[in-house]
Amino acid sequence: MEITERDDKYFLKLSNGELELTEKQVQSLVERGAVIRNSLRNWIEKFSHRQWQVKKVPNTAEAFIKADEFFDNIIREFQEMFLAANNQQQTGERMLEFCGSQVQKLRKERDGSKDHPFADYQILCWLRIISFIKSMTSTRIVVATNGSIY
């Protein structure tokens, strides 16, 4: 950010020209810049001592990474199945029913599980697949108050 002063006026230099600013606007920009710089310095001081190893994944994250690959593969398979289907609308509806049943199953399992974040993540992944199928089929998705997906 470059601010210049000419003839008792302030100008902010932009890529396509200059913008005239009041003294109050300049002061506000300078103050915000100071806050951002201080926050950045604090963040660097707080985390600079940690050395993150490249391609080293914490054990707790491994399940999420494998789940990502699994759900990405499901999306690719569903897309291939949908494009090869004779009746695409019916195929899309069956896919939506399948995904809806998976969400319901996970919600029931989640209640008895201690690993709530991972269960919630899997539910979100299935909802992502439902959204993808919806975009392919232009089928309207309705979520009932009891959590059922149609």
Protein backbone atom coordinates (compact mmCIF):
# COMPACT_ATOMS: atom_id res chain seq x y z
CA MET A 1 0.00 0.00 0.00
CA GLU A 2 1.52 3.28 -1.09
CA ILE A 3 0.01 6.58 0.01
CA THR A 4 1.47 9.84 -1.31
CA GLU A 5 0.83 13.43 -0.30
CA ARG A 6 0.61 16.24 -2.87
CA ASP A 7 -0.76 19.73 -2.46
CA ASP A 8 -2.09 18.89 1.05
CA LYS A 9 -4.09 15.96 -0.39
CA TYR A 10 -3.55 12.22 0.09
CA PHE A 11 -3.61 9.68 -2.72
CA LEU A 12 -3.64 5.87 -2.56
CA LYS A 13 -1.74 4.40 -5.49
CA LEU A 14 -3.72 1.70 -7.34
CA SER A 15 -2.78 -0.45 -10.31
CA ASN A 16 -4.95 1.64 -12.63
CA GLY A 17 -4.46 5.12 -11.12
CA GLU A 18 -4.86 6.90 -7.82
CA LEU A 19 -7.66 7.33 -5.30
CA GLU A 20 -7.93 10.55 -3.33
CA LEU A 21 -8.33 10.00 0.42
CA THR A 22 -9.18 12.21 3.35
CA GLU A 23 -6.77 12.51 6.26
CA LYS A 24 -9.15 10.43 8.39
CA GLN A 25 -9.21 7.63 5.78
CA VAL A 26 -5.41 7.59 5.67
CA GLN A 27 -5.21 7.41 9.45
CA SER A 28 -7.71 4.53 9.50
CA LEU A 29 -5.73 2.60 6.86
CA VAL A 30 -2.47 3.08 8.76
CA GLU A 31 -4.06 1.94 12.03
CA ARG A 32 -5.57 -1.19 10.42
CA GLY A 33 -2.21 -1.98 8.85
CA ALA A 34 -0.55 -1.74 12.27
CA VAL A 35 -3.11 -4.13 13.78
CA ILE A 36 -2.56 -6.63 10.97
CA ARG A 37 1.23 -6.39 11.30
CA ASN A 38 1.05 -6.93 15.07
CA SER A 39 -1.27 -9.92 14.66
CA LEU A 40 1.03 -11.42 12.06
CA ARG A 41 4.08 -10.93 14.29
CA ASN A 42 2.27 -12.58 17.20
CA TRP A 43 1.25 -15.50 15.02
CA ILE A 44 4.79 -15.97 13.72
CA GLU A 45 6.24 -15.82 17.24
CA LYS A 46 3.67 -18.29 18.52
CA PHE A 47 4.14 -20.90 15.80
CA SER A 48 7.68 -20.38 14.52
CA HIS A 49 9.16 -22.82 17.03
CA ARG A 50 7.22 -25.71 15.55
CA GLN A 51 8.80 -27.60 12.69
CA TRP A 52 6.24 -29.28 10.46
CA GLN A 53 7.67 -32.16 8.50
CA VAL A 54 6.70 -32.38 4.86
CA LYS A 55 4.47 -35.38 4.03
CA LYS A 56 4.22 -36.33 7.71
CA VAL A 57 0.57 -36.73 8.66
CA PRO A 58 -0.59 -37.06 12.26
CA ASN A 59 -2.16 -40.46 12.96
CA THR A 60 -5.52 -38.92 13.77
CA ALA A 61 -5.74 -37.41 10.28
CA GLU A 62 -5.09 -40.65 8.40
CA ALA A 63 -8.72 -41.78 8.64
CA PHE A 64 -9.92 -38.48 7.19
CA ILE A 65 -7.47 -38.69 4.28
CA LYS A 66 -8.48 -42.26 3.44
CA ALA A 67 -12.15 -41.27 3.71
CA ASP A 68 -11.55 -38.43 1.24
CA GLU A 69 -10.13 -40.88 -1.29
CA PHE A 70 -13.02 -43.30 -0.69
CA PHE A 71 -15.72 -40.67 -1.25
CA ASP A 72 -13.95 -39.19 -4.28
CA ASN A 73 -13.92 -42.67 -5.80
CA ILE A 74 -17.63 -43.09 -5.07
CA ILE A 75 -18.37 -39.84 -6.89
CA ARG A 76 -16.39 -41.01 -9.94
CA GLU A 77 -18.15 -44.39 -9.93
CA PHE A 78 -21.58 -42.82 -9.55
CA GLN A 79 -20.88 -40.47 -12.43
CA GLU A 80 -19.81 -43.34 -14.69
CA MET A 81 -22.87 -45.39 -13.69
CA PHE A 82 -25.16 -42.43 -14.28
CA LEU A 83 -23.74 -41.65 -17.71
CA ALA A 84 -23.96 -45.32 -18.78
CA ALA A 85 -27.53 -45.80 -17.51
CA ASN A 86 -30.46 -46.19 -19.89
CA ASN A 87 -32.81 -44.40 -17.51
CA GLN A 88 -30.69 -41.71 -15.91
CA GLN A 89 -33.50 -40.20 -13.86
CA GLN A 90 -34.33 -43.55 -12.23
CA THR A 91 -30.63 -44.31 -11.65
CA GLY A 92 -30.16 -40.91 -10.00
CA GLU A 93 -33.14 -41.53 -7.73
CA ARG A 94 -31.75 -44.91 -6.68
CA MET A 95 -28.38 -43.33 -5.96
CA LEU A 96 -30.08 -40.67 -3.83
CA GLU A 97 -31.97 -43.36 -1.91
CA PHE A 98 -28.73 -45.26 -1.30
CA CYS A 99 -26.90 -42.17 -0.09
CA GLY A 100 -29.85 -41.17 2.10
CA SER A 101 -29.83 -44.60 3.74
CA GLN A 102 -26.08 -44.27 4.39
CA VAL A 103 -26.64 -40.90 6.09
CA GLN A 104 -29.41 -42.37 8.26
CA LYS A 105 -27.22 -45.35 9.17
CA LEU A 106 -24.33 -43.06 10.16
CA ARG A 107 -26.61 -40.86 12.25
CA LYS A 108 -27.78 -43.90 14.22
CA GLU A 109 -24.22 -45.18 14.65
CA ARG A 110 -23.03 -41.72 15.67
CA ASP A 111 -25.31 -41.71 18.69
CA GLY A 112 -23.53 -44.76 20.13
CA SER A 113 -20.04 -43.74 19.02
CA LYS A 114 -17.35 -41.79 20.83
CA ASP A 115 -15.79 -40.62 17.57
CA HIS A 116 -18.36 -37.92 16.77
CA PRO A 117 -16.11 -35.73 14.58
CA PHE A 118 -15.33 -38.57 12.18
CA ALA A 119 -18.97 -39.69 12.04
CA ASP A 120 -20.05 -36.11 11.34
CA TYR A 121 -17.39 -35.88 8.65
CA GLN A 122 -18.66 -39.05 6.95
CA ILE A 123 -22.21 -37.70 7.04
CA LEU A 124 -21.01 -34.50 5.37
CA CYS A 125 -19.22 -36.57 2.71
CA TRP A 126 -22.41 -38.47 1.90
CA LEU A 127 -24.29 -35.16 1.73
CA ARG A 128 -21.60 -33.95 -0.69
CA ILE A 129 -22.30 -36.99 -2.86
CA ILE A 130 -26.04 -36.27 -2.67
CA SER A 131 -25.36 -32.73 -3.84
CA PHE A 132 -23.26 -34.08 -6.70
CA ILE A 133 -26.00 -36.50 -7.79
CA LYS A 134 -28.53 -33.69 -7.56
CA SER A 135 -26.39 -31.59 -9.88
CA MET A 136 -26.23 -34.46 -12.38
CA THR A 137 -29.92 -35.31 -12.28
CA SER A 138 -31.42 -31.94 -11.43
CA THR A 139 -33.49 -33.88 -8.90
CA ARG A 140 -34.87 -31.87 -6.05
CA ILE A 141 -33.63 -32.96 -2.64
CA VAL A 142 -35.92 -32.53 0.32
CA VAL A 143 -34.76 -33.08 3.89
CA ALA A 144 -37.67 -33.92 6.17
CA THR A 145 -37.83 -32.72 9.76
CA ASN A 146 -36.96 -36.22 10.96
CA GLY A 147 -33.72 -36.10 8.96
CA SER A 148 -34.85 -38.32 6.09
CA ILE A 149 -33.53 -37.34 2.68
CA TYR A 150 -35.73 -37.65 -0.41
